[in-house]
PDB file of N, CA and C in Angstrom:
ATOM      1  N   MET A   1     -19.954  -5.151 -20.237  1.00  0.00           N
ATOM      2  CA  MET A   1     -21.096  -5.074 -19.350  1.00  0.00           C
ATOM      3  C   MET A   1     -20.697  -5.298 -17.904  1.00  0.00           C
ATOM      4  N   SER A   2     -19.809  -6.285 -17.685  1.00  0.00           N
ATOM      5  CA  SER A   2     -19.434  -6.570 -16.297  1.00  0.00           C
ATOM      6  C   SER A   2     -18.644  -5.431 -15.674  1.00  0.00           C
ATOM      7  N   SER A   3     -17.875  -4.710 -16.495  1.00  0.00           N
ATOM      8  CA  SER A   3     -17.127  -3.588 -15.923  1.00  0.00           C
ATOM      9  C   SER A   3     -18.072  -2.468 -15.482  1.00  0.00           C
ATOM     10  N   ILE A   4     -19.175  -2.302 -16.189  1.00  0.00           N
ATOM     11  CA  ILE A   4     -20.169  -1.298 -15.786  1.00  0.00           C
ATOM     12  C   ILE A   4     -20.784  -1.690 -14.456  1.00  0.00           C
ATOM     13  N   LEU A   5     -21.101  -2.968 -14.306  1.00  0.00           N
ATOM     14  CA  LEU A   5     -21.646  -3.454 -13.039  1.00  0.00           C
ATOM     15  C   LEU A   5     -20.623  -3.345 -11.920  1.00  0.00           C
ATOM     16  N   ASP A   6     -19.373  -3.661 -12.229  1.00  0.00           N
ATOM     17  CA  ASP A   6     -18.312  -3.518 -11.227  1.00  0.00           C
ATOM     18  C   ASP A   6     -18.191  -2.073 -10.761  1.00  0.00           C
ATOM     19  N   ASP A   7     -18.228  -1.145 -11.708  1.00  0.00           N
ATOM     20  CA  ASP A   7     -18.150   0.274 -11.370  1.00  0.00           C
ATOM     21  C   ASP A   7     -19.335   0.702 -10.502  1.00  0.00           C
ATOM     22  N   GLN A   8     -20.524   0.218 -10.865  1.00  0.00           N
ATOM     23  CA  GLN A   8     -21.707   0.569 -10.090  1.00  0.00           C
ATOM     24  C   GLN A   8     -21.620   0.029  -8.666  1.00  0.00           C
ATOM     25  N   LEU A   9     -21.140  -1.200  -8.530  1.00  0.00           N
ATOM     26  CA  LEU A   9     -20.985  -1.785  -7.193  1.00  0.00           C
ATOM     27  C   LEU A   9     -19.932  -1.051  -6.377  1.00  0.00           C
ATOM     28  N   ARG A  10     -18.811  -0.707  -7.023  1.00  0.00           N
ATOM     29  CA  ARG A  10     -17.764   0.047  -6.324  1.00  0.00           C
ATOM     30  C   ARG A  10     -18.284   1.398  -5.875  1.00  0.00           C
ATOM     31  N   LEU A  11     -19.016   2.072  -6.760  1.00  0.00           N
ATOM     32  CA  LEU A  11     -19.557   3.383  -6.426  1.00  0.00           C
ATOM     33  C   LEU A  11     -20.559   3.273  -5.280  1.00  0.00           C
ATOM     34  N   MET A  12     -21.396   2.255  -5.292  1.00  0.00           N
ATOM     35  CA  MET A  12     -22.349   2.058  -4.203  1.00  0.00           C
ATOM     36  C   MET A  12     -21.616   1.844  -2.878  1.00  0.00           C
ATOM     37  N   ALA A  13     -20.548   1.055  -2.911  1.00  0.00           N
ATOM     38  CA  ALA A  13     -19.771   0.813  -1.699  1.00  0.00           C
ATOM     39  C   ALA A  13     -19.111   2.090  -1.206  1.00  0.00           C
ATOM     40  N   LEU A  14     -18.571   2.871  -2.113  1.00  0.00           N
ATOM     41  CA  LEU A  14     -17.946   4.138  -1.739  1.00  0.00           C
ATOM     42  C   LEU A  14     -18.972   5.091  -1.138  1.00  0.00           C
ATOM     43  N   LYS A  15     -20.150   5.146  -1.737  1.00  0.00           N
ATOM     44  CA  LYS A  15     -21.201   6.022  -1.216  1.00  0.00           C
ATOM     45  C   LYS A  15     -21.668   5.557   0.153  1.00  0.00           C
ATOM     46  N   GLN A  16     -21.778   4.244   0.323  1.00  0.00           N
ATOM     47  CA  GLN A  16     -22.227   3.726   1.609  1.00  0.00           C
ATOM     48  C   GLN A  16     -21.206   4.055   2.699  1.00  0.00           C
ATOM     49  N   TYR A  17     -19.927   3.952   2.377  1.00  0.00           N
ATOM     50  CA  TYR A  17     -18.880   4.287   3.336  1.00  0.00           C
ATOM     51  C   TYR A  17     -18.836   5.794   3.567  1.00  0.00           C
ATOM     52  N   GLY A  18     -19.210   6.542   2.543  1.00  0.00           N
ATOM     53  CA  GLY A  18     -19.173   8.002   2.586  1.00  0.00           C
ATOM     54  C   GLY A  18     -18.119   8.493   1.612  1.00  0.00           C
ATOM     55  N   LEU A  19     -18.517   9.298   0.649  1.00  0.00           N
ATOM     56  CA  LEU A  19     -17.567   9.710  -0.392  1.00  0.00           C
ATOM     57  C   LEU A  19     -16.405  10.507   0.179  1.00  0.00           C
ATOM     58  N   ILE A  20     -16.681  11.445   1.052  1.00  0.00           N
ATOM     59  CA  ILE A  20     -15.597  12.257   1.623  1.00  0.00           C
ATOM     60  C   ILE A  20     -14.680  11.384   2.466  1.00  0.00           C
ATOM     61  N   LYS A  21     -15.269  10.520   3.269  1.00  0.00           N
ATOM     62  CA  LYS A  21     -14.476   9.609   4.098  1.00  0.00           C
ATOM     63  C   LYS A  21     -13.643   8.678   3.206  1.00  0.00           C
ATOM     64  N   SER A  22     -14.227   8.214   2.106  1.00  0.00           N
ATOM     65  CA  SER A  22     -13.506   7.346   1.165  1.00  0.00           C
ATOM     66  C   SER A  22     -12.329   8.074   0.543  1.00  0.00           C
ATOM     67  N   ILE A  23     -12.557   9.318   0.141  1.00  0.00           N
ATOM     68  CA  ILE A  23     -11.491  10.104  -0.480  1.00  0.00           C
ATOM     69  C   ILE A  23     -10.337  10.313   0.500  1.00  0.00           C
ATOM     70  N   LYS A  24     -10.657  10.514   1.747  1.00  0.00           N
ATOM     71  CA  LYS A  24      -9.625  10.762   2.759  1.00  0.00           C
ATOM     72  C   LYS A  24      -8.902   9.495   3.202  1.00  0.00           C
ATOM     73  N   THR A  25      -9.405   8.324   2.807  1.00  0.00           N
ATOM     74  CA  THR A  25      -8.754   7.071   3.142  1.00  0.00           C
ATOM     75  C   THR A  25      -7.393   7.019   2.453  1.00  0.00           C
ATOM     76  N   PRO A  26      -6.331   6.691   3.179  1.00  0.00           N
ATOM     77  CA  PRO A  26      -4.989   6.717   2.579  1.00  0.00           C
ATOM     78  C   PRO A  26      -4.802   5.759   1.400  1.00  0.00           C
ATOM     79  N   ASP A  27      -5.522   4.653   1.373  1.00  0.00           N
ATOM     80  CA  ASP A  27      -5.270   3.678   0.315  1.00  0.00           C
ATOM     81  C   ASP A  27      -6.331   3.653  -0.780  1.00  0.00           C
ATOM     82  N   ILE A  28      -7.036   4.762  -0.964  1.00  0.00           N
ATOM     83  CA  ILE A  28      -8.006   4.824  -2.064  1.00  0.00           C
ATOM     84  C   ILE A  28      -7.230   4.785  -3.381  1.00  0.00           C
ATOM     85  N   SER A  29      -7.801   4.092  -4.353  1.00  0.00           N
ATOM     86  CA  SER A  29      -7.117   3.949  -5.644  1.00  0.00           C
ATOM     87  C   SER A  29      -7.450   5.108  -6.578  1.00  0.00           C
ATOM     88  N   LYS A  30      -6.587   5.277  -7.570  1.00  0.00           N
ATOM     89  CA  LYS A  30      -6.842   6.292  -8.587  1.00  0.00           C
ATOM     90  C   LYS A  30      -8.135   5.972  -9.330  1.00  0.00           C
ATOM     91  N   ALA A  31      -8.379   4.688  -9.565  1.00  0.00           N
ATOM     92  CA  ALA A  31      -9.603   4.278 -10.267  1.00  0.00           C
ATOM     93  C   ALA A  31     -10.846   4.681  -9.481  1.00  0.00           C
ATOM     94  N   ASP A  32     -10.802   4.522  -8.166  1.00  0.00           N
ATOM     95  CA  ASP A  32     -11.947   4.927  -7.341  1.00  0.00           C
ATOM     96  C   ASP A  32     -12.138   6.440  -7.365  1.00  0.00           C
ATOM     97  N   LEU A  33     -11.049   7.179  -7.331  1.00  0.00           N
ATOM     98  CA  LEU A  33     -11.153   8.637  -7.390  1.00  0.00           C
ATOM     99  C   LEU A  33     -11.754   9.094  -8.721  1.00  0.00           C
ATOM    100  N   ILE A  34     -11.324   8.475  -9.805  1.00  0.00           N
ATOM    101  CA  ILE A  34     -11.863   8.819 -11.121  1.00  0.00           C
ATOM    102  C   ILE A  34     -13.347   8.463 -11.188  1.00  0.00           C
ATOM    103  N   LEU A  35     -13.709   7.315 -10.623  1.00  0.00           N
ATOM    104  CA  LEU A  35     -15.111   6.904 -10.581  1.00  0.00           C
ATOM    105  C   LEU A  35     -15.960   7.921  -9.816  1.00  0.00           C
ATOM    106  N   ILE A  36     -15.437   8.382  -8.697  1.00  0.00           N
ATOM    107  CA  ILE A  36     -16.149   9.397  -7.909  1.00  0.00           C
ATOM    108  C   ILE A  36     -16.303  10.687  -8.723  1.00  0.00           C
ATOM    109  N   LEU A  37     -15.220  11.113  -9.370  1.00  0.00           N
ATOM    110  CA  LEU A  37     -15.278  12.345 -10.169  1.00  0.00           C
ATOM    111  C   LEU A  37     -16.304  12.260 -11.293  1.00  0.00           C
ATOM    112  N   LYS A  38     -16.413  11.104 -11.919  1.00  0.00           N
ATOM    113  CA  LYS A  38     -17.354  10.935 -13.026  1.00  0.00           C
ATOM    114  C   LYS A  38     -18.809  10.907 -12.568  1.00  0.00           C
ATOM    115  N   ASN A  39     -19.031  10.570 -11.304  1.00  0.00           N
ATOM    116  CA  ASN A  39     -20.401  10.298 -10.864  1.00  0.00           C
ATOM    117  C   ASN A  39     -20.903  11.198  -9.747  1.00  0.00           C
ATOM    118  N   THR A  40     -20.309  12.347  -9.582  1.00  0.00           N
ATOM    119  CA  THR A  40     -20.823  13.272  -8.574  1.00  0.00           C
ATOM    120  C   THR A  40     -20.979  14.663  -9.157  1.00  0.00           C
ATOM    121  N   GLU A  41     -21.953  15.355  -8.650  1.00  0.00           N
ATOM    122  CA  GLU A  41     -22.173  16.752  -9.037  1.00  0.00           C
ATOM    123  C   GLU A  41     -21.741  17.700  -7.919  1.00  0.00           C
ATOM    124  N   ASN A  42     -21.432  17.136  -6.753  1.00  0.00           N
ATOM    125  CA  ASN A  42     -21.064  17.927  -5.585  1.00  0.00           C
ATOM    126  C   ASN A  42     -19.672  18.524  -5.797  1.00  0.00           C
ATOM    127  N   GLU A  43     -19.589  19.843  -5.814  1.00  0.00           N
ATOM    128  CA  GLU A  43     -18.318  20.527  -6.097  1.00  0.00           C
ATOM    129  C   GLU A  43     -17.266  20.288  -5.017  1.00  0.00           C
ATOM    130  N   THR A  44     -17.676  20.178  -3.773  1.00  0.00           N
ATOM    131  CA  THR A  44     -16.725  19.922  -2.689  1.00  0.00           C
ATOM    132  C   THR A  44     -16.081  18.552  -2.866  1.00  0.00           C
ATOM    133  N   ILE A  45     -16.912  17.554  -3.162  1.00  0.00           N
ATOM    134  CA  ILE A  45     -16.401  16.203  -3.374  1.00  0.00           C
ATOM    135  C   ILE A  45     -15.505  16.163  -4.602  1.00  0.00           C
ATOM    136  N   LYS A  46     -15.904  16.849  -5.667  1.00  0.00           N
ATOM    137  CA  LYS A  46     -15.068  16.903  -6.873  1.00  0.00           C
ATOM    138  C   LYS A  46     -13.703  17.521  -6.559  1.00  0.00           C
ATOM    139  N   GLN A  47     -13.706  18.601  -5.784  1.00  0.00           N
ATOM    140  CA  GLN A  47     -12.457  19.277  -5.455  1.00  0.00           C
ATOM    141  C   GLN A  47     -11.563  18.363  -4.605  1.00  0.00           C
ATOM    142  N   LEU A  48     -12.140  17.709  -3.598  1.00  0.00           N
ATOM    143  CA  LEU A  48     -11.357  16.801  -2.751  1.00  0.00           C
ATOM    144  C   LEU A  48     -10.785  15.644  -3.559  1.00  0.00           C
ATOM    145  N   ALA A  49     -11.613  15.060  -4.431  1.00  0.00           N
ATOM    146  CA  ALA A  49     -11.151  13.937  -5.249  1.00  0.00           C
ATOM    147  C   ALA A  49     -10.050  14.374  -6.209  1.00  0.00           C
ATOM    148  N   THR A  50     -10.193  15.536  -6.798  1.00  0.00           N
ATOM    149  CA  THR A  50      -9.178  16.059  -7.715  1.00  0.00           C
ATOM    150  C   THR A  50      -7.859  16.305  -6.987  1.00  0.00           C
ATOM    151  N   GLU A  51      -7.937  16.918  -5.813  1.00  0.00           N
ATOM    152  CA  GLU A  51      -6.724  17.173  -5.029  1.00  0.00           C
ATOM    153  C   GLU A  51      -6.033  15.870  -4.639  1.00  0.00           C
ATOM    154  N   LYS A  52      -6.813  14.879  -4.221  1.00  0.00           N
ATOM    155  CA  LYS A  52      -6.242  13.594  -3.816  1.00  0.00           C
ATOM    156  C   LYS A  52      -5.621  12.883  -5.014  1.00  0.00           C
ATOM    157  N   LEU A  53      -6.286  12.960  -6.172  1.00  0.00           N
ATOM    158  CA  LEU A  53      -5.762  12.339  -7.385  1.00  0.00           C
ATOM    159  C   LEU A  53      -4.447  12.989  -7.788  1.00  0.00           C
ATOM    160  N   GLN A  54      -4.375  14.312  -7.711  1.00  0.00           N
ATOM    161  CA  GLN A  54      -3.123  15.011  -8.035  1.00  0.00           C
ATOM    162  C   GLN A  54      -2.024  14.622  -7.056  1.00  0.00           C
ATOM    163  N   TYR A  55      -2.390  14.476  -5.793  1.00  0.00           N
ATOM    164  CA  TYR A  55      -1.422  14.077  -4.770  1.00  0.00           C
ATOM    165  C   TYR A  55      -0.885  12.679  -5.065  1.00  0.00           C
ATOM    166  N   LEU A  56      -1.780  11.749  -5.423  1.00  0.00           N
ATOM    167  CA  LEU A  56      -1.340  10.386  -5.723  1.00  0.00           C
ATOM    168  C   LEU A  56      -0.467  10.342  -6.968  1.00  0.00           C
ATOM    169  N   LYS A  57      -0.773  11.189  -7.944  1.00  0.00           N
ATOM    170  CA  LYS A  57       0.050  11.232  -9.158  1.00  0.00           C
ATOM    171  C   LYS A  57       1.445  11.761  -8.859  1.00  0.00           C
ATOM    172  N   SER A  58       1.559  12.678  -7.908  1.00  0.00           N
ATOM    173  CA  SER A  58       2.868  13.235  -7.577  1.00  0.00           C
ATOM    174  C   SER A  58       3.629  12.359  -6.585  1.00  0.00           C
ATOM    175  N   HIS A  59       2.934  11.418  -5.949  1.00  0.00           N
ATOM    176  CA  HIS A  59       3.541  10.474  -5.014  1.00  0.00           C
ATOM    177  C   HIS A  59       3.099   9.057  -5.403  1.00  0.00           C
ATOM    178  N   PRO A  60       3.647   8.507  -6.486  1.00  0.00           N
ATOM    179  CA  PRO A  60       3.134   7.250  -7.020  1.00  0.00           C
ATOM    180  C   PRO A  60       3.204   6.066  -6.044  1.00  0.00           C
ATOM    181  N   ARG A  61       4.125   6.071  -5.112  1.00  0.00           N
ATOM    182  CA  ARG A  61       4.212   4.958  -4.167  1.00  0.00           C
ATOM    183  C   ARG A  61       3.002   4.908  -3.257  1.00  0.00           C
ATOM    184  N   LEU A  62       2.279   6.016  -3.135  1.00  0.00           N
ATOM    185  CA  LEU A  62       1.118   6.062  -2.264  1.00  0.00           C
ATOM    186  C   LEU A  62      -0.151   5.605  -2.962  1.00  0.00           C
ATOM    187  N   GLY A  63      -0.088   5.421  -4.253  1.00  0.00           N
ATOM    188  CA  GLY A  63      -1.281   5.034  -4.998  1.00  0.00           C
ATOM    189  C   GLY A  63      -1.457   3.527  -5.037  1.00  0.00           C
ATOM    190  N   TRP A  64      -1.632   3.007  -6.216  1.00  0.00           N
ATOM    191  CA  TRP A  64      -1.958   1.612  -6.436  1.00  0.00           C
ATOM    192  C   TRP A  64      -0.890   0.671  -5.876  1.00  0.00           C
ATOM    193  N   ALA A  65       0.365   0.957  -6.131  1.00  0.00           N
ATOM    194  CA  ALA A  65       1.443   0.091  -5.649  1.00  0.00           C
ATOM    195  C   ALA A  65       1.495   0.078  -4.125  1.00  0.00           C
ATOM    196  N   GLY A  66       1.278   1.219  -3.523  1.00  0.00           N
ATOM    197  CA  GLY A  66       1.247   1.278  -2.069  1.00  0.00           C
ATOM    198  C   GLY A  66       0.092   0.483  -1.499  1.00  0.00           C
ATOM    199  N   SER A  67      -1.036   0.540  -2.177  1.00  0.00           N
ATOM    200  CA  SER A  67      -2.205  -0.236  -1.740  1.00  0.00           C
ATOM    201  C   SER A  67      -1.923  -1.727  -1.821  1.00  0.00           C
ATOM    202  N   LEU A  68      -1.263  -2.148  -2.896  1.00  0.00           N
ATOM    203  CA  LEU A  68      -0.915  -3.564  -3.023  1.00  0.00           C
ATOM    204  C   LEU A  68       0.052  -4.001  -1.932  1.00  0.00           C
ATOM    205  N   ALA A  69       1.027  -3.167  -1.641  1.00  0.00           N
ATOM    206  CA  ALA A  69       1.987  -3.509  -0.594  1.00  0.00           C
ATOM    207  C   ALA A  69       1.292  -3.634   0.756  1.00  0.00           C
ATOM    208  N   ARG A  70       0.390  -2.716   1.052  1.00  0.00           N
ATOM    209  CA  ARG A  70      -0.349  -2.790   2.316  1.00  0.00           C
ATOM    210  C   ARG A  70      -1.230  -4.032   2.364  1.00  0.00           C
ATOM    211  N   ALA A  71      -1.878  -4.355   1.245  1.00  0.00           N
ATOM    212  CA  ALA A  71      -2.747  -5.534   1.200  1.00  0.00           C
ATOM    213  C   ALA A  71      -1.928  -6.804   1.386  1.00  0.00           C
ATOM    214  N   ASN A  72      -0.770  -6.870   0.740  1.00  0.00           N
ATOM    215  CA  ASN A  72       0.095  -8.044   0.903  1.00  0.00           C
ATOM    216  C   ASN A  72       0.570  -8.175   2.343  1.00  0.00           C
ATOM    217  N   ARG A  73       0.928  -7.067   2.944  1.00  0.00           N
ATOM    218  CA  ARG A  73       1.383  -7.083   4.324  1.00  0.00           C
ATOM    219  C   ARG A  73       0.252  -7.521   5.255  1.00  0.00           C
ATOM    220  N   LEU A  74      -0.945  -7.002   5.026  1.00  0.00           N
ATOM    221  CA  LEU A  74      -2.094  -7.394   5.835  1.00  0.00           C
ATOM    222  C   LEU A  74      -2.465  -8.847   5.595  1.00  0.00           C
ATOM    223  N   GLY A  75      -2.358  -9.301   4.349  1.00  0.00           N
ATOM    224  CA  GLY A  75      -2.662 -10.692   4.029  1.00  0.00           C
ATOM    225  C   GLY A  75      -1.713 -11.646   4.708  1.00  0.00           C
ATOM    226  N   SER A  76      -0.432 -11.315   4.737  1.00  0.00           N
ATOM    227  CA  SER A  76       0.530 -12.202   5.403  1.00  0.00           C
ATOM    228  C   SER A  76       0.327 -12.169   6.906  1.00  0.00           C
ATOM    229  N   PHE A  77      -0.057 -11.018   7.438  1.00  0.00           N
ATOM    230  CA  PHE A  77      -0.349 -10.933   8.868  1.00  0.00           C
ATOM    231  C   PHE A  77      -1.555 -11.797   9.196  1.00  0.00           C
ATOM    232  N   HIS A  78      -2.591 -11.715   8.356  1.00  0.00           N
ATOM    233  CA  HIS A  78      -3.817 -12.492   8.604  1.00  0.00           C
ATOM    234  C   HIS A  78      -3.528 -13.986   8.526  1.00  0.00           C
ATOM    235  N   SER A  79      -2.739 -14.414   7.539  1.00  0.00           N
ATOM    236  CA  SER A  79      -2.459 -15.840   7.413  1.00  0.00           C
ATOM    237  C   SER A  79      -1.618 -16.346   8.583  1.00  0.00           C
ATOM    238  N   GLU A  80      -0.744 -15.510   9.107  1.00  0.00           N
ATOM    239  CA  GLU A  80       0.054 -15.901  10.264  1.00  0.00           C
ATOM    240  C   GLU A  80      -0.810 -15.978  11.518  1.00  0.00           C
ATOM    241  N   SER A  81      -1.766 -15.077  11.650  1.00  0.00           N
ATOM    242  CA  SER A  81      -2.578 -15.028  12.847  1.00  0.00           C
ATOM    243  C   SER A  81      -3.633 -16.126  12.882  1.00  0.00           C
ATOM    244  N   THR A  82      -3.937 -16.747  11.728  1.00  0.00           N
ATOM    245  CA  THR A  82      -4.955 -17.798  11.706  1.00  0.00           C
ATOM    246  C   THR A  82      -4.361 -19.190  11.760  1.00  0.00           C
ATOM    247  N   LYS A  83      -3.039 -19.305  11.822  1.00  0.00           N
ATOM    248  CA  LYS A  83      -2.415 -20.629  11.937  1.00  0.00           C
ATOM    249  C   LYS A  83      -2.655 -21.198  13.327  1.00  0.00           C
ATOM    250  N   ASP A  84      -2.783 -22.525  13.378  1.00  0.00           N
ATOM    251  CA  ASP A  84      -2.985 -23.199  14.684  1.00  0.00           C
ATOM    252  C   ASP A  84      -1.696 -23.338  15.438  1.00  0.00           C
TER     253      ASP A  84
END
């Protein structure tokens, strides 16, 4: 049940940001792309999400692992910038 709610919340956030804009974001996850594909009827959005998903599959460093590396780098930057 909680995963369904998580998916709904993620989808709402993606829609609020804008689905096309979300798809074009460099660090979108494969899970988010699949979620978008499952929940849209718009053919343009489906095509963009499919192309991006194929791109991430052919360049695995740009997908989930790349997102984690960027988040870790940003997290360490944030912790350094908030020190007194």
